[in-house]
Amino acid sequence: MKIIAFILTLFLFLTCVKNETFQEVPEIQQTFSYLALGDSYTIGQSVPENGRWPVQLVAKLDTLGIEVDSLKIIAQTGWTTANLQNAMDQEVLEDFDMVSLLIGVNNQYQGSDMEVFEKGFVDLLQRAVLIAGGTEKVFIVSIPDYGVTPFGAGNSEQIAEELDAYNTFMQQTCMDQDIHFVDITEISRDLGDGPNALAPDNLHPSAYQYNIWAEEILPMAVEILEEE
C-alpha cells in the first residue's frame, strides 16, 4: 500500500510540474508611436481629420496588426521650414518609433532662396533622426505638384520645375544618409485635377488622394516598425 501511495503521489507531482512547465505565456501586445511633421499636406487642409494621410496610414497599419497608439502631428497650413523649426522648439519630442517629414512647398511658393530651404530641411532631418533614435526610423515624403490644380494652372511649368529641384535635393540627401524617401509627386501629377483628386478648395489633395499616398507609404512604414 505504501508503494502504491508513493507512486500516486509521484504521478500527481509530475503532472503538476508538466502543466506548469508547458503553460503558455501570454503574448505582450507591442504598440508604436508616430510623429508626423509638415505643413498643410500633413495636417490635411480642407479634409476631415480621418482623411489626413498620416491618420489613414495608421488605420492601414492597424488592419495589419500593427498598432500605433500614439500619433502626434505637428503641422499647419502655410508653414515653411522655419515655421516648423520654431514650432518644434516649443515641444518636448523624444522616443518616437517612427517620424515622417513633408515640408517645403511654402518655401517654394514664397520664393525663398533654395539655400534657405536646403539649410532648413537638413536641420529638420537631423532633428527627426534624433527624435526617432536612428535614420532607419525616419521617412521623407516628396512635395506634391500643386501646379496641376486650378490654383497653379497659370504657372504650372515653373512650379513643376522648382518643386522638382526641391524634391531632387531631398531625395539625394536621403540617399546619402540611408533615409527612406517616398515619392508621391507623380501620384499628384497623375491625378491632376481629375475626379476626386482635390479637396473642396481645389488646391489641396482630397481624402481619396491621401488614401493613395498612404497606400504608397504603407510597405515602408511596415518595414520600419517591424524592425522595432
Foldseek 3Di string as FASTA:
>chain_A
DVVVVVVVVVVVVVVVVVCVVPPDDDDDQDAFEEEEEEECLQCVPQADNCLRLVNLLQVVCVVVVHHHPHYHYDYYHLDALVNRVVSVVVDDAAAGLAYEYEHDLNCVVVVHDPVVRLVSVVVVLVVRCRRNVHQLRYEYEADAQLCLFPVNVVPRVVSVVVSVVVRVSVVVVCVVRVHHYFYCRVVCVVCRQHPQQPRPVRRHGYSVSSNVVSVRCNVSNCVSNVVD
